[in-house]
Amino acid sequence: ELKAVYPKVTPAKKRRLQGDQDKWGPKYLYIIKKDRSLHDKVIKCIKAEQKHRKETGSEEYWALMTTYVNNKRWDQYLDDINDFCEENKFSRDI
């Protein structure tokens, strides 16, 4: 599912982003094995980043998938996802 959500190339098709799954796949599986719910959060973070990059015109600057996984780049969007979930939870409670 991660591979299906993450962009394959930059919009100008200058760089292939996903690269070789043999390089990033095992590390990603190792990371999410500790916390299965993290995978769902990562998918949401990628979608949030896609939206952010589209709004700011920075779609050409996606990290390569190996860099994304090795540096846990989704962490920078986790707070946004958590805030969004809290806001929606709050609004449903009203």
C-alpha atoms as a PDB file:
ATOM      1  CA  GLU A   1       0.000   0.000   0.000  1.00  0.00           C
ATOM      2  CA  LEU A   2       2.896   2.380   0.725  1.00  0.00           C
ATOM      3  CA  LYS A   3       4.198   1.984  -2.807  1.00  0.00           C
ATOM      4  CA  ALA A   4       0.739   2.710  -4.240  1.00  0.00           C
ATOM      5  CA  VAL A   5       0.394   5.991  -2.308  1.00  0.00           C
ATOM      6  CA  TYR A   6       3.921   7.389  -2.609  1.00  0.00           C
ATOM      7  CA  PRO A   7       4.602   9.269  -5.869  1.00  0.00           C
ATOM      8  CA  LYS A   8       6.484   7.234  -8.471  1.00  0.00           C
ATOM      9  CA  VAL A   9       8.146  10.214 -10.178  1.00  0.00           C
ATOM     10  CA  THR A  10       8.272  13.964  -9.772  1.00  0.00           C
ATOM     11  CA  PRO A  11       5.679  15.860 -11.827  1.00  0.00           C
ATOM     12  CA  ALA A  12       8.305  16.876 -14.403  1.00  0.00           C
ATOM     13  CA  LYS A  13       9.407  13.214 -14.477  1.00  0.00           C
ATOM     14  CA  LYS A  14      12.981  14.248 -13.753  1.00  0.00           C
ATOM     15  CA  ARG A  15      13.472  11.795 -10.876  1.00  0.00           C
ATOM     16  CA  ARG A  16      12.164   8.344 -10.078  1.00  0.00           C
ATOM     17  CA  LEU A  17      11.185   8.458  -6.423  1.00  0.00           C
ATOM     18  CA  GLN A  18      10.394   4.897  -5.424  1.00  0.00           C
ATOM     19  CA  GLY A  19      13.607   3.268  -6.535  1.00  0.00           C
ATOM     20  CA  ASP A  20      14.397  -0.300  -5.589  1.00  0.00           C
ATOM     21  CA  GLN A  21      11.995  -1.745  -3.025  1.00  0.00           C
ATOM     22  CA  ASP A  22      14.719  -4.147  -1.913  1.00  0.00           C
ATOM     23  CA  LYS A  23      16.532  -1.161  -0.432  1.00  0.00           C
ATOM     24  CA  TRP A  24      13.692   0.490   1.498  1.00  0.00           C
ATOM     25  CA  GLY A  25      11.155  -2.322   1.921  1.00  0.00           C
ATOM     26  CA  PRO A  26      12.868  -4.378   4.655  1.00  0.00           C
ATOM     27  CA  LYS A  27      13.648  -1.294   6.741  1.00  0.00           C
ATOM     28  CA  TYR A  28      10.047  -0.066   6.478  1.00  0.00           C
ATOM     29  CA  LEU A  29       8.698  -3.477   7.499  1.00  0.00           C
ATOM     30  CA  TYR A  30      11.091  -3.499  10.462  1.00  0.00           C
ATOM     31  CA  ILE A  31       9.879  -0.060  11.562  1.00  0.00           C
ATOM     32  CA  ILE A  32       6.163  -0.821  11.339  1.00  0.00           C
ATOM     33  CA  LYS A  33       6.525  -4.289  12.859  1.00  0.00           C
ATOM     34  CA  LYS A  34       6.945  -2.578  16.240  1.00  0.00           C
ATOM     35  CA  ASP A  35       3.702  -0.626  15.830  1.00  0.00           C
ATOM     36  CA  ARG A  36       1.182  -1.813  13.222  1.00  0.00           C
ATOM     37  CA  SER A  37      -0.931   1.335  13.579  1.00  0.00           C
ATOM     38  CA  LEU A  38       2.079   3.344  12.415  1.00  0.00           C
ATOM     39  CA  HIS A  39       1.526   2.132   8.845  1.00  0.00           C
ATOM     40  CA  ASP A  40      -1.901   3.790   8.709  1.00  0.00           C
ATOM     41  CA  LYS A  41      -0.395   6.986  10.112  1.00  0.00           C
ATOM     42  CA  VAL A  42       2.392   6.919   7.503  1.00  0.00           C
ATOM     43  CA  ILE A  43      -0.173   6.596   4.709  1.00  0.00           C
ATOM     44  CA  LYS A  44      -2.094   9.567   6.129  1.00  0.00           C
ATOM     45  CA  CYS A  45       1.144  11.547   6.416  1.00  0.00           C
ATOM     46  CA  ILE A  46       1.991  10.884   2.773  1.00  0.00           C
ATOM     47  CA  LYS A  47      -1.451  12.105   1.753  1.00  0.00           C
ATOM     48  CA  ALA A  48      -1.038  15.205   3.928  1.00  0.00           C
ATOM     49  CA  GLU A  49       2.359  15.857   2.374  1.00  0.00           C
ATOM     50  CA  GLN A  50       0.910  15.442  -1.124  1.00  0.00           C
ATOM     51  CA  LYS A  51      -1.747  18.030  -0.325  1.00  0.00           C
ATOM     52  CA  HIS A  52       0.809  20.394   1.222  1.00  0.00           C
ATOM     53  CA  ARG A  53       3.217  20.084  -1.716  1.00  0.00           C
ATOM     54  CA  LYS A  54       0.429  20.666  -4.227  1.00  0.00           C
ATOM     55  CA  GLU A  55      -0.731  23.775  -2.352  1.00  0.00           C
ATOM     56  CA  THR A  56       2.803  25.185  -2.089  1.00  0.00           C
ATOM     57  CA  GLY A  57       4.035  24.151  -5.531  1.00  0.00           C
ATOM     58  CA  SER A  58       6.854  22.052  -4.122  1.00  0.00           C
ATOM     59  CA  GLU A  59       5.979  18.719  -5.736  1.00  0.00           C
ATOM     60  CA  GLU A  60       9.389  18.504  -7.415  1.00  0.00           C
ATOM     61  CA  TYR A  61      11.086  18.237  -4.014  1.00  0.00           C
ATOM     62  CA  TRP A  62       9.850  14.850  -2.813  1.00  0.00           C
ATOM     63  CA  ALA A  63      12.518  12.741  -1.142  1.00  0.00           C
ATOM     64  CA  LEU A  64      13.542   9.445  -2.672  1.00  0.00           C
ATOM     65  CA  MET A  65      11.679   6.575  -1.033  1.00  0.00           C
ATOM     66  CA  THR A  66      14.883   5.244   0.567  1.00  0.00           C
ATOM     67  CA  THR A  67      15.506   8.658   2.153  1.00  0.00           C
ATOM     68  CA  TYR A  68      11.870   8.922   3.209  1.00  0.00           C
ATOM     69  CA  VAL A  69      12.010   5.579   5.024  1.00  0.00           C
ATOM     70  CA  ASN A  70      15.557   5.836   6.415  1.00  0.00           C
ATOM     71  CA  ASN A  71      14.936   9.287   7.884  1.00  0.00           C
ATOM     72  CA  LYS A  72      11.322   8.605   8.893  1.00  0.00           C
ATOM     73  CA  ARG A  73      10.291  11.722   6.991  1.00  0.00           C
ATOM     74  CA  TRP A  74       6.635  11.123   7.882  1.00  0.00           C
ATOM     75  CA  ASP A  75       7.413  12.368  11.399  1.00  0.00           C
ATOM     76  CA  GLN A  76       7.178  15.973  10.228  1.00  0.00           C
ATOM     77  CA  TYR A  77       3.514  15.424   9.292  1.00  0.00           C
ATOM     78  CA  LEU A  78       2.465  13.301  12.293  1.00  0.00           C
ATOM     79  CA  ASP A  79       1.502  16.345  14.358  1.00  0.00           C
ATOM     80  CA  ASP A  80      -0.685  17.602  11.508  1.00  0.00           C
ATOM     81  CA  ILE A  81      -2.425  14.229  11.306  1.00  0.00           C
ATOM     82  CA  ASN A  82      -2.904  14.027  15.076  1.00  0.00           C
ATOM     83  CA  ASP A  83      -4.291  17.587  15.194  1.00  0.00           C
ATOM     84  CA  PHE A  84      -6.679  16.800  12.343  1.00  0.00           C
ATOM     85  CA  CYS A  85      -7.906  13.647  14.091  1.00  0.00           C
ATOM     86  CA  GLU A  86      -8.398  15.501  17.360  1.00  0.00           C
ATOM     87  CA  GLU A  87     -10.334  18.281  15.619  1.00  0.00           C
ATOM     88  CA  ASN A  88     -12.593  15.794  13.874  1.00  0.00           C
ATOM     89  CA  LYS A  89     -13.104  13.801  17.058  1.00  0.00           C
ATOM     90  CA  PHE A  90     -14.024  16.980  18.909  1.00  0.00           C
ATOM     91  CA  SER A  91     -16.458  18.130  16.244  1.00  0.00           C
ATOM     92  CA  ARG A  92     -18.168  14.736  16.218  1.00  0.00           C
ATOM     93  CA  ASP A  93     -18.615  14.886  20.006  1.00  0.00           C
ATOM     94  CA  ILE A  94     -20.523  18.165  19.836  1.00  0.00           C
END
